[in-house]
Amino acid sequence: MADVHRWRLAPDGLATRRQLRALGLRPGGQDVVAEVHRPRRRKAPLVAYLYRIEHAKPVRPMTPGRAAALAAAMLARRTCPNCLTDAGYCIPRSLGMCVTCHDTPPIRKDTV
């Protein structure tokens, strides 16, 4: 069981994933050392997992292959399946298509 600390009372030398990333580090396979619990009213507390900074490893550099794969994935998220154009933003999953296609009424063939 990891140590549990209250919000803002974690000991020095521990950091969350985001804090490690800001330092240019990653957990590097180490186990969670402690947890920070932030209390909330009428809900379960928010939990953040902490890792040792001295055991963290440097972030892996971005390779050309990883950059190309990331660009292709982002293009797929921006491409509207309805009109097949790059919307310039990530298509909302709740709509399933770009906002323009969603807001445009469909053309009925029986009225033409």
PDB file of N, CA and C in Angstrom:
ATOM      1  N   MET A   1       0.849  -1.185   0.000  1.00  0.00           N
ATOM      2  CA  MET A   1       0.000   0.000   0.000  1.00  0.00           C
ATOM      3  C   MET A   1       0.888   1.239   0.000  1.00  0.00           C
ATOM      4  N   ALA A   2       0.620   2.157  -0.889  1.00  0.00           N
ATOM      5  CA  ALA A   2       1.389   3.389  -0.991  1.00  0.00           C
ATOM      6  C   ALA A   2       1.000   4.337   0.147  1.00  0.00           C
ATOM      7  N   ASP A   3       1.926   5.208   0.518  1.00  0.00           N
ATOM      8  CA  ASP A   3       1.641   6.223   1.532  1.00  0.00           C
ATOM      9  C   ASP A   3       0.582   7.176   0.992  1.00  0.00           C
ATOM     10  N   VAL A   4      -0.278   7.653   1.880  1.00  0.00           N
ATOM     11  CA  VAL A   4      -1.318   8.586   1.489  1.00  0.00           C
ATOM     12  C   VAL A   4      -1.060   9.905   2.198  1.00  0.00           C
ATOM     13  N   HIS A   5      -1.045  10.994   1.406  1.00  0.00           N
ATOM     14  CA  HIS A   5      -0.809  12.326   1.950  1.00  0.00           C
ATOM     15  C   HIS A   5      -1.984  13.220   1.586  1.00  0.00           C
ATOM     16  N   ARG A   6      -2.199  14.242   2.398  1.00  0.00           N
ATOM     17  CA  ARG A   6      -3.235  15.221   2.103  1.00  0.00           C
ATOM     18  C   ARG A   6      -2.745  16.168   1.018  1.00  0.00           C
ATOM     19  N   TRP A   7      -3.691  16.855   0.386  1.00  0.00           N
ATOM     20  CA  TRP A   7      -3.407  17.797  -0.689  1.00  0.00           C
ATOM     21  C   TRP A   7      -2.393  18.845  -0.239  1.00  0.00           C
ATOM     22  N   ARG A   8      -1.367  19.060  -1.037  1.00  0.00           N
ATOM     23  CA  ARG A   8      -0.286  20.029  -0.823  1.00  0.00           C
ATOM     24  C   ARG A   8       0.642  19.669   0.334  1.00  0.00           C
ATOM     25  N   LEU A   9       0.549  18.450   0.864  1.00  0.00           N
ATOM     26  CA  LEU A   9       1.405  18.062   1.973  1.00  0.00           C
ATOM     27  C   LEU A   9       2.303  16.875   1.630  1.00  0.00           C
ATOM     28  N   ALA A  10       2.578  16.679   0.351  1.00  0.00           N
ATOM     29  CA  ALA A  10       3.453  15.578  -0.058  1.00  0.00           C
ATOM     30  C   ALA A  10       4.902  15.931   0.276  1.00  0.00           C
ATOM     31  N   PRO A  11       5.717  14.949   0.650  1.00  0.00           N
ATOM     32  CA  PRO A  11       7.114  15.229   0.965  1.00  0.00           C
ATOM     33  C   PRO A  11       7.915  15.609  -0.283  1.00  0.00           C
ATOM     34  N   ASP A  12       9.041  16.258  -0.064  1.00  0.00           N
ATOM     35  CA  ASP A  12       9.928  16.632  -1.168  1.00  0.00           C
ATOM     36  C   ASP A  12      10.511  15.387  -1.815  1.00  0.00           C
ATOM     37  N   GLY A  13      10.867  15.507  -3.077  1.00  0.00           N
ATOM     38  CA  GLY A  13      11.456  14.388  -3.789  1.00  0.00           C
ATOM     39  C   GLY A  13      10.446  13.516  -4.509  1.00  0.00           C
ATOM     40  N   LEU A  14       9.148  13.849  -4.397  1.00  0.00           N
ATOM     41  CA  LEU A  14       8.093  13.107  -5.080  1.00  0.00           C
ATOM     42  C   LEU A  14       7.386  14.040  -6.046  1.00  0.00           C
ATOM     43  N   ALA A  15       6.898  13.478  -7.165  1.00  0.00           N
ATOM     44  CA  ALA A  15       6.221  14.299  -8.161  1.00  0.00           C
ATOM     45  C   ALA A  15       5.188  13.456  -8.903  1.00  0.00           C
ATOM     46  N   THR A  16       4.172  14.124  -9.439  1.00  0.00           N
ATOM     47  CA  THR A  16       3.176  13.462 -10.268  1.00  0.00           C
ATOM     48  C   THR A  16       3.734  13.303 -11.680  1.00  0.00           C
ATOM     49  N   ARG A  17       2.999  12.586 -12.527  1.00  0.00           N
ATOM     50  CA  ARG A  17       3.432  12.424 -13.924  1.00  0.00           C
ATOM     51  C   ARG A  17       3.580  13.772 -14.623  1.00  0.00           C
ATOM     52  N   ARG A  18       2.642  14.658 -14.417  1.00  0.00           N
ATOM     53  CA  ARG A  18       2.708  15.975 -15.061  1.00  0.00           C
ATOM     54  C   ARG A  18       3.888  16.784 -14.558  1.00  0.00           C
ATOM     55  N   GLN A  19       4.158  16.714 -13.274  1.00  0.00           N
ATOM     56  CA  GLN A  19       5.304  17.427 -12.731  1.00  0.00           C
ATOM     57  C   GLN A  19       6.602  16.846 -13.266  1.00  0.00           C
ATOM     58  N   LEU A  20       6.661  15.519 -13.394  1.00  0.00           N
ATOM     59  CA  LEU A  20       7.848  14.897 -13.987  1.00  0.00           C
ATOM     60  C   LEU A  20       8.019  15.347 -15.423  1.00  0.00           C
ATOM     61  N   ARG A  21       6.931  15.385 -16.170  1.00  0.00           N
ATOM     62  CA  ARG A  21       6.997  15.787 -17.575  1.00  0.00           C
ATOM     63  C   ARG A  21       7.492  17.221 -17.710  1.00  0.00           C
ATOM     64  N   ALA A  22       7.072  18.098 -16.804  1.00  0.00           N
ATOM     65  CA  ALA A  22       7.529  19.484 -16.825  1.00  0.00           C
ATOM     66  C   ALA A  22       9.032  19.571 -16.573  1.00  0.00           C
ATOM     67  N   LEU A  23       9.563  18.587 -15.870  1.00  0.00           N
ATOM     68  CA  LEU A  23      11.009  18.533 -15.609  1.00  0.00           C
ATOM     69  C   LEU A  23      11.760  17.786 -16.709  1.00  0.00           C
ATOM     70  N   GLY A  24      11.030  17.296 -17.730  1.00  0.00           N
ATOM     71  CA  GLY A  24      11.656  16.543 -18.804  1.00  0.00           C
ATOM     72  C   GLY A  24      11.932  15.102 -18.424  1.00  0.00           C
ATOM     73  N   LEU A  25      11.138  14.564 -17.495  1.00  0.00           N
ATOM     74  CA  LEU A  25      11.335  13.203 -16.996  1.00  0.00           C
ATOM     75  C   LEU A  25      10.068  12.376 -17.187  1.00  0.00           C
ATOM     76  N   ARG A  26      10.201  11.064 -16.998  1.00  0.00           N
ATOM     77  CA  ARG A  26       9.082  10.124 -17.027  1.00  0.00           C
ATOM     78  C   ARG A  26       9.290   9.130 -15.893  1.00  0.00           C
ATOM     79  N   PRO A  27       8.228   8.447 -15.441  1.00  0.00           N
ATOM     80  CA  PRO A  27       8.388   7.504 -14.324  1.00  0.00           C
ATOM     81  C   PRO A  27       9.374   6.385 -14.628  1.00  0.00           C
ATOM     82  N   GLY A  28       9.449   5.923 -15.852  1.00  0.00           N
ATOM     83  CA  GLY A  28      10.446   4.925 -16.219  1.00  0.00           C
ATOM     84  C   GLY A  28      10.216   3.554 -15.616  1.00  0.00           C
ATOM     85  N   GLY A  29       8.976   3.148 -15.435  1.00  0.00           N
ATOM     86  CA  GLY A  29       8.680   1.811 -14.953  1.00  0.00           C
ATOM     87  C   GLY A  29       8.659   1.647 -13.446  1.00  0.00           C
ATOM     88  N   GLN A  30       8.948   2.684 -12.711  1.00  0.00           N
ATOM     89  CA  GLN A  30       8.928   2.552 -11.253  1.00  0.00           C
ATOM     90  C   GLN A  30       7.500   2.487 -10.735  1.00  0.00           C
ATOM     91  N   ASP A  31       7.332   1.873  -9.589  1.00  0.00           N
ATOM     92  CA  ASP A  31       6.015   1.754  -8.980  1.00  0.00           C
ATOM     93  C   ASP A  31       5.615   3.064  -8.307  1.00  0.00           C
ATOM     94  N   VAL A  32       4.320   3.222  -8.071  1.00  0.00           N
ATOM     95  CA  VAL A  32       3.804   4.385  -7.360  1.00  0.00           C
ATOM     96  C   VAL A  32       4.313   4.329  -5.923  1.00  0.00           C
ATOM     97  N   VAL A  33       4.865   5.438  -5.443  1.00  0.00           N
ATOM     98  CA  VAL A  33       5.427   5.491  -4.093  1.00  0.00           C
ATOM     99  C   VAL A  33       4.398   5.995  -3.094  1.00  0.00           C
ATOM    100  N   ALA A  34       3.594   6.963  -3.509  1.00  0.00           N
ATOM    101  CA  ALA A  34       2.624   7.565  -2.592  1.00  0.00           C
ATOM    102  C   ALA A  34       1.450   8.107  -3.393  1.00  0.00           C
ATOM    103  N   GLU A  35       0.409   8.489  -2.663  1.00  0.00           N
ATOM    104  CA  GLU A  35      -0.774   9.091  -3.252  1.00  0.00           C
ATOM    105  C   GLU A  35      -1.064  10.394  -2.529  1.00  0.00           C
ATOM    106  N   VAL A  36      -1.613  11.347  -3.269  1.00  0.00           N
ATOM    107  CA  VAL A  36      -2.092  12.593  -2.684  1.00  0.00           C
ATOM    108  C   VAL A  36      -3.594  12.614  -2.889  1.00  0.00           C
ATOM    109  N   HIS A  37      -4.339  12.845  -1.830  1.00  0.00           N
ATOM    110  CA  HIS A  37      -5.791  12.893  -1.903  1.00  0.00           C
ATOM    111  C   HIS A  37      -6.258  14.324  -1.717  1.00  0.00           C
ATOM    112  N   ARG A  38      -7.073  14.790  -2.667  1.00  0.00           N
ATOM    113  CA  ARG A  38      -7.662  16.118  -2.562  1.00  0.00           C
ATOM    114  C   ARG A  38      -9.133  15.937  -2.231  1.00  0.00           C
ATOM    115  N   PRO A  39      -9.563  16.344  -1.051  1.00  0.00           N
ATOM    116  CA  PRO A  39     -10.964  16.127  -0.660  1.00  0.00           C
ATOM    117  C   PRO A  39     -11.918  16.988  -1.484  1.00  0.00           C
ATOM    118  N   ARG A  40     -13.124  16.432  -1.703  1.00  0.00           N
ATOM    119  CA  ARG A  40     -14.199  17.147  -2.395  1.00  0.00           C
ATOM    120  C   ARG A  40     -15.487  16.957  -1.614  1.00  0.00           C
ATOM    121  N   ARG A  41     -16.385  17.885  -1.738  1.00  0.00           N
ATOM    122  CA  ARG A  41     -17.666  17.776  -1.043  1.00  0.00           C
ATOM    123  C   ARG A  41     -18.555  16.761  -1.728  1.00  0.00           C
ATOM    124  N   ARG A  42     -19.127  15.878  -0.974  1.00  0.00           N
ATOM    125  CA  ARG A  42     -20.104  14.889  -1.432  1.00  0.00           C
ATOM    126  C   ARG A  42     -19.614  14.002  -2.568  1.00  0.00           C
ATOM    127  N   LYS A  43     -18.314  13.913  -2.762  1.00  0.00           N
ATOM    128  CA  LYS A  43     -17.751  13.042  -3.793  1.00  0.00           C
ATOM    129  C   LYS A  43     -16.491  12.389  -3.237  1.00  0.00           C
ATOM    130  N   ALA A  44     -16.050  11.366  -3.930  1.00  0.00           N
ATOM    131  CA  ALA A  44     -14.794  10.724  -3.545  1.00  0.00           C
ATOM    132  C   ALA A  44     -13.640  11.698  -3.807  1.00  0.00           C
ATOM    133  N   PRO A  45     -12.572  11.599  -3.039  1.00  0.00           N
ATOM    134  CA  PRO A  45     -11.458  12.539  -3.240  1.00  0.00           C
ATOM    135  C   PRO A  45     -10.741  12.281  -4.566  1.00  0.00           C
ATOM    136  N   LEU A  46     -10.153  13.348  -5.110  1.00  0.00           N
ATOM    137  CA  LEU A  46      -9.298  13.211  -6.285  1.00  0.00           C
ATOM    138  C   LEU A  46      -7.981  12.599  -5.833  1.00  0.00           C
ATOM    139  N   VAL A  47      -7.429  11.708  -6.626  1.00  0.00           N
ATOM    140  CA  VAL A  47      -6.206  11.008  -6.258  1.00  0.00           C
ATOM    141  C   VAL A  47      -5.128  11.297  -7.296  1.00  0.00           C
ATOM    142  N   ALA A  48      -3.943  11.647  -6.835  1.00  0.00           N
ATOM    143  CA  ALA A  48      -2.780  11.828  -7.706  1.00  0.00           C
ATOM    144  C   ALA A  48      -1.701  10.872  -7.231  1.00  0.00           C
ATOM    145  N   TYR A  49      -1.090  10.157  -8.162  1.00  0.00           N
ATOM    146  CA  TYR A  49      -0.042   9.205  -7.823  1.00  0.00           C
ATOM    147  C   TYR A  49       1.318   9.889  -7.902  1.00  0.00           C
ATOM    148  N   LEU A  50       2.168   9.587  -6.934  1.00  0.00           N
ATOM    149  CA  LEU A  50       3.476  10.223  -6.848  1.00  0.00           C
ATOM    150  C   LEU A  50       4.601   9.226  -7.113  1.00  0.00           C
ATOM    151  N   TYR A  51       5.645   9.716  -7.780  1.00  0.00           N
ATOM    152  CA  TYR A  51       6.816   8.920  -8.128  1.00  0.00           C
ATOM    153  C   TYR A  51       8.062   9.619  -7.601  1.00  0.00           C
ATOM    154  N   ARG A  52       9.117   8.839  -7.381  1.00  0.00           N
ATOM    155  CA  ARG A  52      10.378   9.411  -6.916  1.00  0.00           C
ATOM    156  C   ARG A  52      11.083  10.108  -8.071  1.00  0.00           C
ATOM    157  N   ILE A  53      11.509  11.340  -7.833  1.00  0.00           N
ATOM    158  CA  ILE A  53      12.181  12.109  -8.876  1.00  0.00           C
ATOM    159  C   ILE A  53      13.551  11.512  -9.190  1.00  0.00           C
ATOM    160  N   GLU A  54      14.255  11.024  -8.169  1.00  0.00           N
ATOM    161  CA  GLU A  54      15.608  10.507  -8.402  1.00  0.00           C
ATOM    162  C   GLU A  54      15.612   9.198  -9.192  1.00  0.00           C
ATOM    163  N   HIS A  55      14.489   8.482  -9.231  1.00  0.00           N
ATOM    164  CA  HIS A  55      14.401   7.230  -9.989  1.00  0.00           C
ATOM    165  C   HIS A  55      13.816   7.450 -11.390  1.00  0.00           C
ATOM    166  N   ALA A  56      13.386   8.677 -11.674  1.00  0.00           N
ATOM    167  CA  ALA A  56      12.777   8.973 -12.971  1.00  0.00           C
ATOM    168  C   ALA A  56      13.841   8.988 -14.060  1.00  0.00           C
ATOM    169  N   LYS A  57      13.396   8.680 -15.279  1.00  0.00           N
ATOM    170  CA  LYS A  57      14.297   8.646 -16.428  1.00  0.00           C
ATOM    171  C   LYS A  57      13.966   9.796 -17.370  1.00  0.00           C
ATOM    172  N   PRO A  58      14.901  10.183 -18.223  1.00  0.00           N
ATOM    173  CA  PRO A  58      14.604  11.267 -19.170  1.00  0.00           C
ATOM    174  C   PRO A  58      13.545  10.845 -20.184  1.00  0.00           C
ATOM    175  N   VAL A  59      12.804  11.820 -20.676  1.00  0.00           N
ATOM    176  CA  VAL A  59      11.784  11.571 -21.696  1.00  0.00           C
ATOM    177  C   VAL A  59      12.484  11.128 -22.974  1.00  0.00           C
ATOM    178  N   ARG A  60      11.884  10.143 -23.635  1.00  0.00           N
ATOM    179  CA  ARG A  60      12.460   9.670 -24.887  1.00  0.00           C
ATOM    180  C   ARG A  60      12.324  10.756 -25.950  1.00  0.00           C
ATOM    181  N   PRO A  61      13.335  10.948 -26.790  1.00  0.00           N
ATOM    182  CA  PRO A  61      13.246  11.999 -27.813  1.00  0.00           C
ATOM    183  C   PRO A  61      12.243  11.631 -28.902  1.00  0.00           C
ATOM    184  N   MET A  62      11.688  12.638 -29.538  1.00  0.00           N
ATOM    185  CA  MET A  62      10.746  12.432 -30.627  1.00  0.00           C
ATOM    186  C   MET A  62      11.526  12.047 -31.886  1.00  0.00           C
ATOM    187  N   THR A  63      11.228  10.883 -32.433  1.00  0.00           N
ATOM    188  CA  THR A  63      11.889  10.417 -33.653  1.00  0.00           C
ATOM    189  C   THR A  63      11.041  10.825 -34.858  1.00  0.00           C
ATOM    190  N   PRO A  64      11.611  10.837 -36.055  1.00  0.00           N
ATOM    191  CA  PRO A  64      10.813  11.178 -37.239  1.00  0.00           C
ATOM    192  C   PRO A  64       9.626  10.231 -37.439  1.00  0.00           C
ATOM    193  N   GLY A  65       9.795   8.953 -37.144  1.00  0.00           N
ATOM    194  CA  GLY A  65       8.692   7.998 -37.289  1.00  0.00           C
ATOM    195  C   GLY A  65       7.567   8.280 -36.312  1.00  0.00           C
ATOM    196  N   ARG A  66       7.913   8.584 -35.053  1.00  0.00           N
ATOM    197  CA  ARG A  66       6.885   8.906 -34.061  1.00  0.00           C
ATOM    198  C   ARG A  66       6.178  10.204 -34.413  1.00  0.00           C
ATOM    199  N   ALA A  67       6.922  11.186 -34.943  1.00  0.00           N
ATOM    200  CA  ALA A  67       6.313  12.452 -35.345  1.00  0.00           C
ATOM    201  C   ALA A  67       5.346  12.239 -36.500  1.00  0.00           C
ATOM    202  N   ALA A  68       5.714  11.390 -37.459  1.00  0.00           N
ATOM    203  CA  ALA A  68       4.836  11.113 -38.594  1.00  0.00           C
ATOM    204  C   ALA A  68       3.582  10.378 -38.142  1.00  0.00           C
ATOM    205  N   ALA A  69       3.719   9.418 -37.238  1.00  0.00           N
ATOM    206  CA  ALA A  69       2.560   8.688 -36.728  1.00  0.00           C
ATOM    207  C   ALA A  69       1.624   9.610 -35.948  1.00  0.00           C
ATOM    208  N   LEU A  70       2.179  10.515 -35.167  1.00  0.00           N
ATOM    209  CA  LEU A  70       1.368  11.471 -34.419  1.00  0.00           C
ATOM    210  C   LEU A  70       0.633  12.411 -35.368  1.00  0.00           C
ATOM    211  N   ALA A  71       1.311  12.881 -36.411  1.00  0.00           N
ATOM    212  CA  ALA A  71       0.670  13.763 -37.387  1.00  0.00           C
ATOM    213  C   ALA A  71      -0.469  13.051 -38.117  1.00  0.00           C
ATOM    214  N   ALA A  72      -0.267  11.782 -38.465  1.00  0.00           N
ATOM    215  CA  ALA A  72      -1.322  11.019 -39.142  1.00  0.00           C
ATOM    216  C   ALA A  72      -2.520  10.805 -38.221  1.00  0.00           C
ATOM    217  N   ALA A  73      -2.268  10.527 -36.958  1.00  0.00           N
ATOM    218  CA  ALA A  73      -3.362  10.325 -36.005  1.00  0.00           C
ATOM    219  C   ALA A  73      -4.155  11.616 -35.804  1.00  0.00           C
ATOM    220  N   MET A  74      -3.470  12.736 -35.721  1.00  0.00           N
ATOM    221  CA  MET A  74      -4.163  14.009 -35.538  1.00  0.00           C
ATOM    222  C   MET A  74      -4.954  14.393 -36.786  1.00  0.00           C
ATOM    223  N   LEU A  75      -4.426  14.081 -37.979  1.00  0.00           N
ATOM    224  CA  LEU A  75      -5.168  14.344 -39.214  1.00  0.00           C
ATOM    225  C   LEU A  75      -6.445  13.519 -39.249  1.00  0.00           C
ATOM    226  N   ALA A  76      -6.377  12.275 -38.784  1.00  0.00           N
ATOM    227  CA  ALA A  76      -7.567  11.427 -38.750  1.00  0.00           C
ATOM    228  C   ALA A  76      -8.605  11.979 -37.783  1.00  0.00           C
ATOM    229  N   ARG A  77      -8.184  12.576 -36.687  1.00  0.00           N
ATOM    230  CA  ARG A  77      -9.127  13.152 -35.727  1.00  0.00           C
ATOM    231  C   ARG A  77      -9.759  14.435 -36.257  1.00  0.00           C
ATOM    232  N   ARG A  78      -9.070  15.136 -37.185  1.00  0.00           N
ATOM    233  CA  ARG A  78      -9.586  16.385 -37.734  1.00  0.00           C
ATOM    234  C   ARG A  78     -10.419  16.191 -38.995  1.00  0.00           C
ATOM    235  N   THR A  79     -10.346  15.025 -39.639  1.00  0.00           N
ATOM    236  CA  THR A  79     -11.047  14.791 -40.895  1.00  0.00           C
ATOM    237  C   THR A  79     -12.490  14.372 -40.638  1.00  0.00           C
ATOM    238  N   CYS A  80     -13.413  15.105 -41.249  1.00  0.00           N
ATOM    239  CA  CYS A  80     -14.837  14.820 -41.085  1.00  0.00           C
ATOM    240  C   CYS A  80     -15.206  13.601 -41.929  1.00  0.00           C
ATOM    241  N   PRO A  81     -15.840  12.577 -41.349  1.00  0.00           N
ATOM    242  CA  PRO A  81     -16.220  11.406 -42.135  1.00  0.00           C
ATOM    243  C   PRO A  81     -17.374  11.683 -43.100  1.00  0.00           C
ATOM    244  N   ASN A  82     -18.080  12.793 -42.897  1.00  0.00           N
ATOM    245  CA  ASN A  82     -19.220  13.121 -43.742  1.00  0.00           C
ATOM    246  C   ASN A  82     -18.788  13.846 -45.021  1.00  0.00           C
ATOM    247  N   CYS A  83     -18.000  14.921 -44.879  1.00  0.00           N
ATOM    248  CA  CYS A  83     -17.590  15.708 -46.044  1.00  0.00           C
ATOM    249  C   CYS A  83     -16.138  15.450 -46.446  1.00  0.00           C
ATOM    250  N   LEU A  84     -15.409  14.666 -45.658  1.00  0.00           N
ATOM    251  CA  LEU A  84     -14.019  14.264 -45.942  1.00  0.00           C
ATOM    252  C   LEU A  84     -13.063  15.437 -46.086  1.00  0.00           C
ATOM    253  N   THR A  85     -13.305  16.515 -45.342  1.00  0.00           N
ATOM    254  CA  THR A  85     -12.391  17.649 -45.349  1.00  0.00           C
ATOM    255  C   THR A  85     -11.737  17.785 -43.985  1.00  0.00           C
ATOM    256  N   ASP A  86     -10.587  18.473 -43.965  1.00  0.00           N
ATOM    257  CA  ASP A  86      -9.891  18.749 -42.712  1.00  0.00           C
ATOM    258  C   ASP A  86     -10.596  19.919 -42.055  1.00  0.00           C
ATOM    259  N   ALA A  87     -11.225  19.686 -40.923  1.00  0.00           N
ATOM    260  CA  ALA A  87     -12.006  20.717 -40.248  1.00  0.00           C
ATOM    261  C   ALA A  87     -11.120  21.768 -39.586  1.00  0.00           C
ATOM    262  N   GLY A  88      -9.854  21.453 -39.345  1.00  0.00           N
ATOM    263  CA  GLY A  88      -8.965  22.401 -38.673  1.00  0.00           C
ATOM    264  C   GLY A  88      -9.025  22.286 -37.164  1.00  0.00           C
ATOM    265  N   TYR A  89      -9.861  21.394 -36.648  1.00  0.00           N
ATOM    266  CA  TYR A  89      -9.984  21.134 -35.220  1.00  0.00           C
ATOM    267  C   TYR A  89     -10.358  19.669 -35.055  1.00  0.00           C
ATOM    268  N   CYS A  90     -10.200  19.144 -33.870  1.00  0.00           N
ATOM    269  CA  CYS A  90     -10.573  17.755 -33.618  1.00  0.00           C
ATOM    270  C   CYS A  90     -12.098  17.636 -33.638  1.00  0.00           C
ATOM    271  N   ILE A  91     -12.593  16.679 -34.405  1.00  0.00           N
ATOM    272  CA  ILE A  91     -14.031  16.475 -34.541  1.00  0.00           C
ATOM    273  C   ILE A  91     -14.586  16.012 -33.195  1.00  0.00           C
ATOM    274  N   PRO A  92     -15.642  16.661 -32.689  1.00  0.00           N
ATOM    275  CA  PRO A  92     -16.230  16.226 -31.423  1.00  0.00           C
ATOM    276  C   PRO A  92     -16.807  14.816 -31.551  1.00  0.00           C
ATOM    277  N   ARG A  93     -16.464  13.958 -30.620  1.00  0.00           N
ATOM    278  CA  ARG A  93     -16.983  12.594 -30.648  1.00  0.00           C
ATOM    279  C   ARG A  93     -18.481  12.571 -30.432  1.00  0.00           C
ATOM    280  N   SER A  94     -19.010  13.556 -29.734  1.00  0.00           N
ATOM    281  CA  SER A  94     -20.447  13.593 -29.490  1.00  0.00           C
ATOM    282  C   SER A  94     -21.229  13.860 -30.771  1.00  0.00           C
ATOM    283  N   LEU A  95     -20.615  14.567 -31.731  1.00  0.00           N
ATOM    284  CA  LEU A  95     -21.292  14.855 -32.992  1.00  0.00           C
ATOM    285  C   LEU A  95     -20.988  13.807 -34.054  1.00  0.00           C
ATOM    286  N   GLY A  96     -19.755  13.338 -34.105  1.00  0.00           N
ATOM    287  CA  GLY A  96     -19.363  12.350 -35.101  1.00  0.00           C
ATOM    288  C   GLY A  96     -19.070  12.951 -36.461  1.00  0.00           C
ATOM    289  N   MET A  97     -19.157  14.270 -36.582  1.00  0.00           N
ATOM    290  CA  MET A  97     -18.875  14.968 -37.837  1.00  0.00           C
ATOM    291  C   MET A  97     -18.527  16.405 -37.487  1.00  0.00           C
ATOM    292  N   CYS A  98     -18.082  17.163 -38.482  1.00  0.00           N
ATOM    293  CA  CYS A  98     -17.728  18.556 -38.210  1.00  0.00           C
ATOM    294  C   CYS A  98     -18.987  19.350 -37.866  1.00  0.00           C
ATOM    295  N   VAL A  99     -18.807  20.484 -37.251  1.00  0.00           N
ATOM    296  CA  VAL A  99     -19.940  21.294 -36.804  1.00  0.00           C
ATOM    297  C   VAL A  99     -20.747  21.782 -38.001  1.00  0.00           C
ATOM    298  N   THR A 100     -20.072  22.107 -39.104  1.00  0.00           N
ATOM    299  CA  THR A 100     -20.782  22.575 -40.298  1.00  0.00           C
ATOM    300  C   THR A 100     -21.727  21.501 -40.827  1.00  0.00           C
ATOM    301  N   CYS A 101     -21.236  20.266 -40.946  1.00  0.00           N
ATOM    302  CA  CYS A 101     -22.095  19.170 -41.417  1.00  0.00           C
ATOM    303  C   CYS A 101     -23.230  18.895 -40.436  1.00  0.00           C
ATOM    304  N   HIS A 102     -22.945  19.010 -39.164  1.00  0.00           N
ATOM    305  CA  HIS A 102     -23.970  18.744 -38.154  1.00  0.00           C
ATOM    306  C   HIS A 102     -25.068  19.796 -38.189  1.00  0.00           C
ATOM    307  N   ASP A 103     -24.685  21.070 -38.414  1.00  0.00           N
ATOM    308  CA  ASP A 103     -25.662  22.156 -38.391  1.00  0.00           C
ATOM    309  C   ASP A 103     -26.400  22.336 -39.710  1.00  0.00           C
ATOM    310  N   THR A 104     -25.896  21.751 -40.796  1.00  0.00           N
ATOM    311  CA  THR A 104     -26.550  21.874 -42.096  1.00  0.00           C
ATOM    312  C   THR A 104     -27.656  20.836 -42.198  1.00  0.00           C
ATOM    313  N   PRO A 105     -28.877  21.255 -42.509  1.00  0.00           N
ATOM    314  CA  PRO A 105     -29.951  20.263 -42.615  1.00  0.00           C
ATOM    315  C   PRO A 105     -29.741  19.388 -43.843  1.00  0.00           C
ATOM    316  N   PRO A 106     -30.095  18.119 -43.762  1.00  0.00           N
ATOM    317  CA  PRO A 106     -29.916  17.240 -44.919  1.00  0.00           C
ATOM    318  C   PRO A 106     -30.870  17.620 -46.045  1.00  0.00           C
ATOM    319  N   ILE A 107     -30.419  17.391 -47.287  1.00  0.00           N
ATOM    320  CA  ILE A 107     -31.235  17.694 -48.453  1.00  0.00           C
ATOM    321  C   ILE A 107     -32.170  16.505 -48.695  1.00  0.00           C
ATOM    322  N   ARG A 108     -33.461  16.789 -48.722  1.00  0.00           N
ATOM    323  CA  ARG A 108     -34.450  15.732 -48.955  1.00  0.00           C
ATOM    324  C   ARG A 108     -34.672  15.598 -50.457  1.00  0.00           C
ATOM    325  N   LYS A 109     -34.600  14.363 -50.948  1.00  0.00           N
ATOM    326  CA  LYS A 109     -34.718  14.100 -52.371  1.00  0.00           C
ATOM    327  C   LYS A 109     -36.173  14.168 -52.853  1.00  0.00           C
ATOM    328  N   ASP A 110     -37.136  13.961 -51.959  1.00  0.00           N
ATOM    329  CA  ASP A 110     -38.529  13.953 -52.387  1.00  0.00           C
ATOM    330  C   ASP A 110     -39.065  15.356 -52.663  1.00  0.00           C
ATOM    331  N   THR A 111     -38.396  16.416 -52.179  1.00  0.00           N
ATOM    332  CA  THR A 111     -38.861  17.769 -52.413  1.00  0.00           C
ATOM    333  C   THR A 111     -38.219  18.399 -53.631  1.00  0.00           C
ATOM    334  N   VAL A 112     -37.220  17.750 -54.211  1.00  0.00           N
ATOM    335  CA  VAL A 112     -36.520  18.329 -55.362  1.00  0.00           C
ATOM    336  C   VAL A 112     -37.178  17.955 -56.647  1.00  0.00           C
TER     337      VAL A 112
END
